[in-house]
Structures are given as C-alpha cells and as structure tokens.
PDB file of N, CA and C in Angstrom:
ATOM      1  N   SER A   1      31.805   9.842  19.613  1.00  0.00           N
ATOM      2  CA  SER A   1      31.505  11.101  19.858  1.00  0.00           C
ATOM      3  C   SER A   1      32.984  11.863  19.478  1.00  0.00           C
ATOM      4  N   LEU A   2      34.154  11.056  18.275  1.00  0.00           N
ATOM      5  CA  LEU A   2      34.934  11.443  18.443  1.00  0.00           C
ATOM      6  C   LEU A   2      34.691  12.063  17.237  1.00  0.00           C
ATOM      7  N   ASN A   3      34.161  11.245  16.181  1.00  0.00           N
ATOM      8  CA  ASN A   3      33.701  10.967  14.739  1.00  0.00           C
ATOM      9  C   ASN A   3      32.754  12.864  15.073  1.00  0.00           C
ATOM     10  N   ARG A   4      32.055  13.388  15.446  1.00  0.00           N
ATOM     11  CA  ARG A   4      31.378  14.319  16.224  1.00  0.00           C
ATOM     12  C   ARG A   4      32.853  15.526  16.334  1.00  0.00           C
ATOM     13  N   SER A   5      33.724  15.146  17.270  1.00  0.00           N
ATOM     14  CA  SER A   5      34.389  16.560  17.794  1.00  0.00           C
ATOM     15  C   SER A   5      35.039  16.629  15.813  1.00  0.00           C
ATOM     16  N   GLU A   6      35.560  15.384  15.743  1.00  0.00           N
ATOM     17  CA  GLU A   6      36.681  15.767  14.252  1.00  0.00           C
ATOM     18  C   GLU A   6      36.493  15.627  13.306  1.00  0.00           C
ATOM     19  N   LEU A   7      34.865  15.517  13.132  1.00  0.00           N
ATOM     20  CA  LEU A   7      34.235  17.012  11.605  1.00  0.00           C
ATOM     21  C   LEU A   7      34.001  18.056  12.254  1.00  0.00           C
ATOM     22  N   ALA A   8      33.635  18.923  13.236  1.00  0.00           N
ATOM     23  CA  ALA A   8      33.681  20.207  13.871  1.00  0.00           C
ATOM     24  C   ALA A   8      35.157  20.862  13.717  1.00  0.00           C
ATOM     25  N   ARG A   9      35.914  20.260  13.680  1.00  0.00           N
ATOM     26  CA  ARG A   9      36.995  20.710  14.136  1.00  0.00           C
ATOM     27  C   ARG A   9      38.015  20.817  12.096  1.00  0.00           C
ATOM     28  N   LEU A  10      37.532  20.305  11.269  1.00  0.00           N
ATOM     29  CA  LEU A  10      37.264  20.084   9.678  1.00  0.00           C
ATOM     30  C   LEU A  10      36.696  21.519   9.310  1.00  0.00           C
ATOM     31  N   GLU A  11      35.514  21.570   9.815  1.00  0.00           N
ATOM     32  CA  GLU A  11      34.381  21.986   8.902  1.00  0.00           C
ATOM     33  C   GLU A  11      35.209  23.881   9.451  1.00  0.00           C
ATOM     34  N   ARG A  12      35.653  23.567  10.965  1.00  0.00           N
ATOM     35  CA  ARG A  12      35.967  24.877  11.052  1.00  0.00           C
ATOM     36  C   ARG A  12      37.275  25.019  10.932  1.00  0.00           C
ATOM     37  N   ALA A  13      37.487  24.347  10.180  1.00  0.00           N
ATOM     38  CA  ALA A  13      39.385  24.731   9.997  1.00  0.00           C
ATOM     39  C   ALA A  13      38.783  24.810   8.498  1.00  0.00           C
ATOM     40  N   PHE A  14      37.513  24.893   7.575  1.00  0.00           N
ATOM     41  CA  PHE A  14      37.974  24.758   5.830  1.00  0.00           C
ATOM     42  C   PHE A  14      36.984  26.066   6.774  1.00  0.00           C
ATOM     43  N   ALA A  15      36.389  26.981   7.284  1.00  0.00           N
ATOM     44  CA  ALA A  15      35.644  28.028   7.655  1.00  0.00           C
ATOM     45  C   ALA A  15      37.120  28.366   7.838  1.00  0.00           C
ATOM     46  N   GLU A  16      37.805  28.732   8.481  1.00  0.00           N
ATOM     47  CA  GLU A  16      39.281  29.542   7.803  1.00  0.00           C
ATOM     48  C   GLU A  16      39.937  29.892   7.064  1.00  0.00           C
ATOM     49  N   MET A  17      40.068  28.519   6.589  1.00  0.00           N
ATOM     50  CA  MET A  17      40.621  29.021   5.160  1.00  0.00           C
ATOM     51  C   MET A  17      39.916  29.040   4.291  1.00  0.00           C
ATOM     52  N   GLY A  18      38.786  29.886   4.409  1.00  0.00           N
ATOM     53  CA  GLY A  18      37.602  30.835   3.383  1.00  0.00           C
ATOM     54  C   GLY A  18      36.550  28.610   2.392  1.00  0.00           C
ATOM     55  N   LEU A  19      36.726  28.575   2.678  1.00  0.00           N
ATOM     56  CA  LEU A  19      36.635  27.351   1.920  1.00  0.00           C
ATOM     57  C   LEU A  19      35.512  26.824   2.309  1.00  0.00           C
ATOM     58  N   GLU A  20      33.843  26.704   1.087  1.00  0.00           N
ATOM     59  CA  GLU A  20      33.247  25.897   0.843  1.00  0.00           C
ATOM     60  C   GLU A  20      32.726  24.822   1.350  1.00  0.00           C
ATOM     61  N   TYR A  21      32.291  24.098   2.943  1.00  0.00           N
ATOM     62  CA  TYR A  21      31.930  23.375   2.877  1.00  0.00           C
ATOM     63  C   TYR A  21      30.309  22.693   2.718  1.00  0.00           C
ATOM     64  N   LEU A  22      29.618  21.787   3.304  1.00  0.00           N
ATOM     65  CA  LEU A  22      28.570  21.269   3.195  1.00  0.00           C
ATOM     66  C   LEU A  22      28.754  20.688   4.271  1.00  0.00           C
ATOM     67  N   PRO A  23      27.431  21.565   5.218  1.00  0.00           N
ATOM     68  CA  PRO A  23      27.153  20.867   6.751  1.00  0.00           C
ATOM     69  C   PRO A  23      27.093  19.515   7.005  1.00  0.00           C
ATOM     70  N   SER A  24      27.685  18.976   7.967  1.00  0.00           N
ATOM     71  CA  SER A  24      27.831  17.078   7.566  1.00  0.00           C
ATOM     72  C   SER A  24      27.181  16.727   9.014  1.00  0.00           C
ATOM     73  N   TYR A  25      26.900  15.337   9.129  1.00  0.00           N
ATOM     74  CA  TYR A  25      25.562  15.344  10.319  1.00  0.00           C
ATOM     75  C   TYR A  25      26.799  13.076   9.848  1.00  0.00           C
ATOM     76  N   GLY A  26      27.233  13.037   8.910  1.00  0.00           N
ATOM     77  CA  GLY A  26      28.568  11.746   8.945  1.00  0.00           C
ATOM     78  C   GLY A  26      29.213  11.621   8.852  1.00  0.00           C
ATOM     79  N   ASN A  27      29.979  10.858   8.140  1.00  0.00           N
ATOM     80  CA  ASN A  27      31.361  10.227   8.425  1.00  0.00           C
ATOM     81  C   ASN A  27      32.126  11.242   7.163  1.00  0.00           C
ATOM     82  N   PHE A  28      31.885  12.082   7.022  1.00  0.00           N
ATOM     83  CA  PHE A  28      32.996  12.768   6.294  1.00  0.00           C
ATOM     84  C   PHE A  28      32.057  14.385   6.213  1.00  0.00           C
ATOM     85  N   SER A  29      32.322  15.191   4.739  1.00  0.00           N
ATOM     86  CA  SER A  29      31.651  15.632   4.724  1.00  0.00           C
ATOM     87  C   SER A  29      32.603  16.530   3.080  1.00  0.00           C
ATOM     88  N   LEU A  30      32.031  17.268   2.856  1.00  0.00           N
ATOM     89  CA  LEU A  30      31.956  17.986   0.931  1.00  0.00           C
ATOM     90  C   LEU A  30      32.888  19.049   1.153  1.00  0.00           C
ATOM     91  N   VAL A  31      33.344  19.155   0.579  1.00  0.00           N
ATOM     92  CA  VAL A  31      34.078  20.732   0.744  1.00  0.00           C
ATOM     93  C   VAL A  31      35.108  21.162  -0.528  1.00  0.00           C
ATOM     94  N   ARG A  32      34.381  21.981  -1.354  1.00  0.00           N
ATOM     95  CA  ARG A  32      34.222  23.006  -2.192  1.00  0.00           C
ATOM     96  C   ARG A  32      36.706  23.883  -2.533  1.00  0.00           C
ATOM     97  N   VAL A  33      37.415  23.049  -3.856  1.00  0.00           N
ATOM     98  CA  VAL A  33      38.715  23.721  -2.996  1.00  0.00           C
ATOM     99  C   VAL A  33      38.837  23.727  -4.513  1.00  0.00           C
ATOM    100  N   GLY A  34      38.216  24.356  -5.520  1.00  0.00           N
ATOM    101  CA  GLY A  34      38.641  25.190  -7.029  1.00  0.00           C
ATOM    102  C   GLY A  34      38.468  23.885  -7.620  1.00  0.00           C
ATOM    103  N   LYS A  35      40.071  24.037  -7.762  1.00  0.00           N
ATOM    104  CA  LYS A  35      40.603  23.046  -8.912  1.00  0.00           C
ATOM    105  C   LYS A  35      40.802  22.381  -8.174  1.00  0.00           C
ATOM    106  N   ALA A  36      39.599  20.615  -7.509  1.00  0.00           N
ATOM    107  CA  ALA A  36      39.774  19.823  -7.358  1.00  0.00           C
ATOM    108  C   ALA A  36      40.887  18.533  -8.046  1.00  0.00           C
ATOM    109  N   ALA A  37      40.500  18.411  -8.856  1.00  0.00           N
ATOM    110  CA  ALA A  37      41.394  17.737 -10.251  1.00  0.00           C
ATOM    111  C   ALA A  37      43.012  17.134  -9.503  1.00  0.00           C
ATOM    112  N   GLU A  38      44.071  18.310  -9.416  1.00  0.00           N
ATOM    113  CA  GLU A  38      44.951  18.696  -8.699  1.00  0.00           C
ATOM    114  C   GLU A  38      44.506  18.998  -7.532  1.00  0.00           C
ATOM    115  N   VAL A  39      44.162  19.763  -6.602  1.00  0.00           N
ATOM    116  CA  VAL A  39      44.608  19.313  -5.194  1.00  0.00           C
ATOM    117  C   VAL A  39      43.856  17.865  -4.488  1.00  0.00           C
ATOM    118  N   TYR A  40      43.674  16.801  -5.162  1.00  0.00           N
ATOM    119  CA  TYR A  40      43.601  15.536  -5.142  1.00  0.00           C
ATOM    120  C   TYR A  40      44.564  14.841  -5.493  1.00  0.00           C
ATOM    121  N   GLU A  41      45.121  15.924  -6.685  1.00  0.00           N
ATOM    122  CA  GLU A  41      46.856  14.627  -7.457  1.00  0.00           C
ATOM    123  C   GLU A  41      47.128  15.002  -6.238  1.00  0.00           C
ATOM    124  N   GLY A  42      47.596  16.250  -5.870  1.00  0.00           N
ATOM    125  CA  GLY A  42      48.717  17.198  -4.804  1.00  0.00           C
ATOM    126  C   GLY A  42      48.626  16.657  -2.953  1.00  0.00           C
ATOM    127  N   LEU A  43      46.963  15.846  -2.888  1.00  0.00           N
ATOM    128  CA  LEU A  43      46.837  15.576  -1.513  1.00  0.00           C
ATOM    129  C   LEU A  43      47.141  14.004  -1.683  1.00  0.00           C
ATOM    130  N   LEU A  44      47.063  13.769  -3.195  1.00  0.00           N
ATOM    131  CA  LEU A  44      47.747  11.984  -3.279  1.00  0.00           C
ATOM    132  C   LEU A  44      49.631  11.528  -2.536  1.00  0.00           C
ATOM    133  N   ARG A  45      50.172  12.925  -3.373  1.00  0.00           N
ATOM    134  CA  ARG A  45      51.545  12.574  -2.724  1.00  0.00           C
ATOM    135  C   ARG A  45      51.913  13.391  -2.020  1.00  0.00           C
ATOM    136  N   ALA A  46      51.458  13.420  -0.874  1.00  0.00           N
ATOM    137  CA  ALA A  46      51.749  13.616   0.792  1.00  0.00           C
ATOM    138  C   ALA A  46      50.505  12.761   0.865  1.00  0.00           C
ATOM    139  N   GLY A  47      50.013  11.896   0.438  1.00  0.00           N
ATOM    140  CA  GLY A  47      50.059  10.808   0.815  1.00  0.00           C
ATOM    141  C   GLY A  47      48.395  10.693   2.250  1.00  0.00           C
ATOM    142  N   VAL A  48      47.684  11.242   1.651  1.00  0.00           N
ATOM    143  CA  VAL A  48      46.020  11.737   1.587  1.00  0.00           C
ATOM    144  C   VAL A  48      45.784  11.467   0.931  1.00  0.00           C
ATOM    145  N   ILE A  49      44.396  10.425   1.370  1.00  0.00           N
ATOM    146  CA  ILE A  49      43.752   9.677   0.412  1.00  0.00           C
ATOM    147  C   ILE A  49      42.159  10.008   0.152  1.00  0.00           C
ATOM    148  N   VAL A  50      41.325  11.150   0.039  1.00  0.00           N
ATOM    149  CA  VAL A  50      40.343  11.923  -1.156  1.00  0.00           C
ATOM    150  C   VAL A  50      39.543  11.204  -1.758  1.00  0.00           C
ATOM    151  N   ARG A  51      37.963  11.900  -2.135  1.00  0.00           N
ATOM    152  CA  ARG A  51      37.140  11.055  -3.392  1.00  0.00           C
ATOM    153  C   ARG A  51      36.680  12.272  -3.691  1.00  0.00           C
ATOM    154  N   PRO A  52      37.680  12.133  -5.043  1.00  0.00           N
ATOM    155  CA  PRO A  52      36.729  13.189  -5.385  1.00  0.00           C
ATOM    156  C   PRO A  52      35.500  13.431  -6.394  1.00  0.00           C
ATOM    157  N   VAL A  53      34.514  14.346  -6.559  1.00  0.00           N
ATOM    158  CA  VAL A  53      32.960  13.836  -7.839  1.00  0.00           C
ATOM    159  C   VAL A  53      32.525  14.611  -8.082  1.00  0.00           C
ATOM    160  N   ALA A  54      33.040  14.624  -8.613  1.00  0.00           N
ATOM    161  CA  ALA A  54      33.030  15.223 -10.074  1.00  0.00           C
ATOM    162  C   ALA A  54      32.164  14.354 -10.863  1.00  0.00           C
ATOM    163  N   GLY A  55      32.217  13.456 -10.454  1.00  0.00           N
ATOM    164  CA  GLY A  55      30.637  12.539 -10.725  1.00  0.00           C
ATOM    165  C   GLY A  55      30.011  12.256 -11.047  1.00  0.00           C
ATOM    166  N   TYR A  56      29.302  13.000  -9.930  1.00  0.00           N
ATOM    167  CA  TYR A  56      28.655  13.765  -9.856  1.00  0.00           C
ATOM    168  C   TYR A  56      27.497  15.175  -9.781  1.00  0.00           C
ATOM    169  N   GLY A  57      29.393  15.672 -10.780  1.00  0.00           N
ATOM    170  CA  GLY A  57      28.601  17.556 -11.259  1.00  0.00           C
ATOM    171  C   GLY A  57      28.730  17.960 -10.115  1.00  0.00           C
ATOM    172  N   LEU A  58      30.512  18.098  -9.702  1.00  0.00           N
ATOM    173  CA  LEU A  58      30.398  18.507  -8.513  1.00  0.00           C
ATOM    174  C   LEU A  58      31.685  18.844  -9.249  1.00  0.00           C
ATOM    175  N   PRO A  59      32.013  19.105  -9.984  1.00  0.00           N
ATOM    176  CA  PRO A  59      33.502  19.273 -10.090  1.00  0.00           C
ATOM    177  C   PRO A  59      34.813  20.381  -9.247  1.00  0.00           C
ATOM    178  N   GLU A  60      34.583  21.366  -8.710  1.00  0.00           N
ATOM    179  CA  GLU A  60      35.653  21.558  -7.956  1.00  0.00           C
ATOM    180  C   GLU A  60      35.264  21.158  -6.761  1.00  0.00           C
ATOM    181  N   TRP A  61      35.011  20.177  -5.417  1.00  0.00           N
ATOM    182  CA  TRP A  61      34.256  19.515  -4.830  1.00  0.00           C
ATOM    183  C   TRP A  61      35.176  18.437  -4.175  1.00  0.00           C
ATOM    184  N   LEU A  62      35.277  18.327  -4.223  1.00  0.00           N
ATOM    185  CA  LEU A  62      35.738  17.609  -2.887  1.00  0.00           C
ATOM    186  C   LEU A  62      35.433  16.138  -1.399  1.00  0.00           C
ATOM    187  N   ARG A  63      35.048  14.669  -1.105  1.00  0.00           N
ATOM    188  CA  ARG A  63      34.298  13.935  -0.266  1.00  0.00           C
ATOM    189  C   ARG A  63      35.739  13.834   0.379  1.00  0.00           C
ATOM    190  N   VAL A  64      35.794  14.475   1.840  1.00  0.00           N
ATOM    191  CA  VAL A  64      36.585  14.824   2.874  1.00  0.00           C
ATOM    192  C   VAL A  64      35.995  13.273   4.143  1.00  0.00           C
ATOM    193  N   SER A  65      36.884  11.816   3.843  1.00  0.00           N
ATOM    194  CA  SER A  65      36.190  11.003   5.180  1.00  0.00           C
ATOM    195  C   SER A  65      36.914  12.063   6.765  1.00  0.00           C
ATOM    196  N   VAL A  66      35.775  11.134   7.462  1.00  0.00           N
ATOM    197  CA  VAL A  66      36.568  11.461   8.761  1.00  0.00           C
ATOM    198  C   VAL A  66      37.022  10.798   9.530  1.00  0.00           C
ATOM    199  N   GLY A  67      38.691  11.427   9.610  1.00  0.00           N
ATOM    200  CA  GLY A  67      39.844  10.403  10.458  1.00  0.00           C
ATOM    201  C   GLY A  67      39.996  10.267  11.659  1.00  0.00           C
ATOM    202  N   LEU A  68      40.989   9.628  12.531  1.00  0.00           N
ATOM    203  CA  LEU A  68      41.614  10.300  13.373  1.00  0.00           C
ATOM    204  C   LEU A  68      42.555  11.467  14.081  1.00  0.00           C
ATOM    205  N   PRO A  69      42.217  12.171  14.663  1.00  0.00           N
ATOM    206  CA  PRO A  69      42.638  13.770  14.929  1.00  0.00           C
ATOM    207  C   PRO A  69      43.880  13.612  14.279  1.00  0.00           C
ATOM    208  N   GLU A  70      46.136  13.012  13.434  1.00  0.00           N
ATOM    209  CA  GLU A  70      46.347  12.620  14.026  1.00  0.00           C
ATOM    210  C   GLU A  70      46.141  12.413  11.683  1.00  0.00           C
ATOM    211  N   GLU A  71      45.002  11.586  11.757  1.00  0.00           N
ATOM    212  CA  GLU A  71      45.133  11.917  10.077  1.00  0.00           C
ATOM    213  C   GLU A  71      44.772  12.903  10.053  1.00  0.00           C
ATOM    214  N   ASN A  72      43.468  13.977  10.945  1.00  0.00           N
ATOM    215  CA  ASN A  72      43.134  14.924  10.167  1.00  0.00           C
ATOM    216  C   ASN A  72      44.368  15.844   9.462  1.00  0.00           C
ATOM    217  N   ASP A  73      44.531  15.957  11.115  1.00  0.00           N
ATOM    218  CA  ASP A  73      46.164  16.471  11.266  1.00  0.00           C
ATOM    219  C   ASP A  73      47.632  16.968  10.271  1.00  0.00           C
ATOM    220  N   ARG A  74      47.949  15.620  10.020  1.00  0.00           N
ATOM    221  CA  ARG A  74      47.715  15.851   8.047  1.00  0.00           C
ATOM    222  C   ARG A  74      46.946  15.906   6.756  1.00  0.00           C
ATOM    223  N   PHE A  75      45.570  16.244   6.286  1.00  0.00           N
ATOM    224  CA  PHE A  75      44.975  16.384   5.795  1.00  0.00           C
ATOM    225  C   PHE A  75      45.125  17.754   5.899  1.00  0.00           C
ATOM    226  N   LEU A  76      44.068  17.951   6.896  1.00  0.00           N
ATOM    227  CA  LEU A  76      44.699  19.515   7.312  1.00  0.00           C
ATOM    228  C   LEU A  76      45.803  20.599   6.548  1.00  0.00           C
ATOM    229  N   ALA A  77      47.087  19.823   6.711  1.00  0.00           N
ATOM    230  CA  ALA A  77      47.591  20.868   6.827  1.00  0.00           C
ATOM    231  C   ALA A  77      48.071  20.441   4.918  1.00  0.00           C
ATOM    232  N   ALA A  78      47.871  19.849   4.599  1.00  0.00           N
ATOM    233  CA  ALA A  78      48.470  19.221   3.359  1.00  0.00           C
ATOM    234  C   ALA A  78      47.631  20.119   2.403  1.00  0.00           C
ATOM    235  N   LEU A  79      46.422  20.217   2.777  1.00  0.00           N
ATOM    236  CA  LEU A  79      45.663  20.934   1.820  1.00  0.00           C
ATOM    237  C   LEU A  79      45.995  22.316   2.401  1.00  0.00           C
ATOM    238  N   ARG A  80      46.131  22.882   2.902  1.00  0.00           N
ATOM    239  CA  ARG A  80      45.926  24.885   3.447  1.00  0.00           C
ATOM    240  C   ARG A  80      47.488  24.566   2.366  1.00  0.00           C
ATOM    241  N   HIS A  81      48.844  23.861   2.465  1.00  0.00           N
ATOM    242  CA  HIS A  81      49.803  23.947   1.701  1.00  0.00           C
ATOM    243  C   HIS A  81      49.397  24.267  -0.015  1.00  0.00           C
ATOM    244  N   LEU A  82      48.445  23.489  -0.446  1.00  0.00           N
ATOM    245  CA  LEU A  82      48.396  23.465  -1.004  1.00  0.00           C
ATOM    246  C   LEU A  82      46.833  24.601  -1.744  1.00  0.00           C
ATOM    247  N   VAL A  83      46.275  24.981  -0.716  1.00  0.00           N
ATOM    248  CA  VAL A  83      45.451  26.190  -1.327  1.00  0.00           C
ATOM    249  C   VAL A  83      45.751  27.047  -0.878  1.00  0.00           C
ATOM    250  N   GLY A  84      47.079  27.374  -0.922  1.00  0.00           N
ATOM    251  CA  GLY A  84      47.157  28.808  -0.267  1.00  0.00           C
ATOM    252  C   GLY A  84      47.330  28.556   0.705  1.00  0.00           C
ATOM    253  N   ARG A  85      45.988  28.989   2.253  1.00  0.00           N
ATOM    254  CA  ARG A  85      45.115  29.036   2.929  1.00  0.00           C
ATOM    255  C   ARG A  85      45.933  28.917   3.750  1.00  0.00           C
TER     256      ARG A  85
END
C-alpha cells in the first residue's frame, strides 16, 4: 500500500510540474524531463539515484523507482530545482 500511495504522489507531482509521465502499476515510473542526461547528473549531485533510459530510445526520460516518503521528498525537491518548476 505504501508503494501505491507513493507512486500516486510522484505522479501527482509530475503532473503539477507539467511533466509527462507514463502511468505505472509497478514500483517505478518513467518521467519525461527534457535534457535527461543533465537532470540525471544534477540528481546524482543531490544524492538521488535514478536511471536514464536513453539506451531504450527514450533520451528525454528517466526511470524513477518509488522510495520511502522521505526519499521521494528529497527526489521531488531536487527535481523541482533542476527543471525549474
């Protein structure tokens, strides 16, 4: 139930930031952030690990695993800072 609620929270935050995402039923989501390589590097510098998926033909997207609430808070704060939304 924690995964479902946190996934829904991530997807709501993506929508609020105006970011396209693919709805998920698993433990991760794909979100389109534009310059994904730059956002990926910025997230790493903020101590947040996500997965780039350019190798799958999605150079503007990142794969984000659902974490604990405090981990998702950290991710969302860093993402908002990096994408300016």
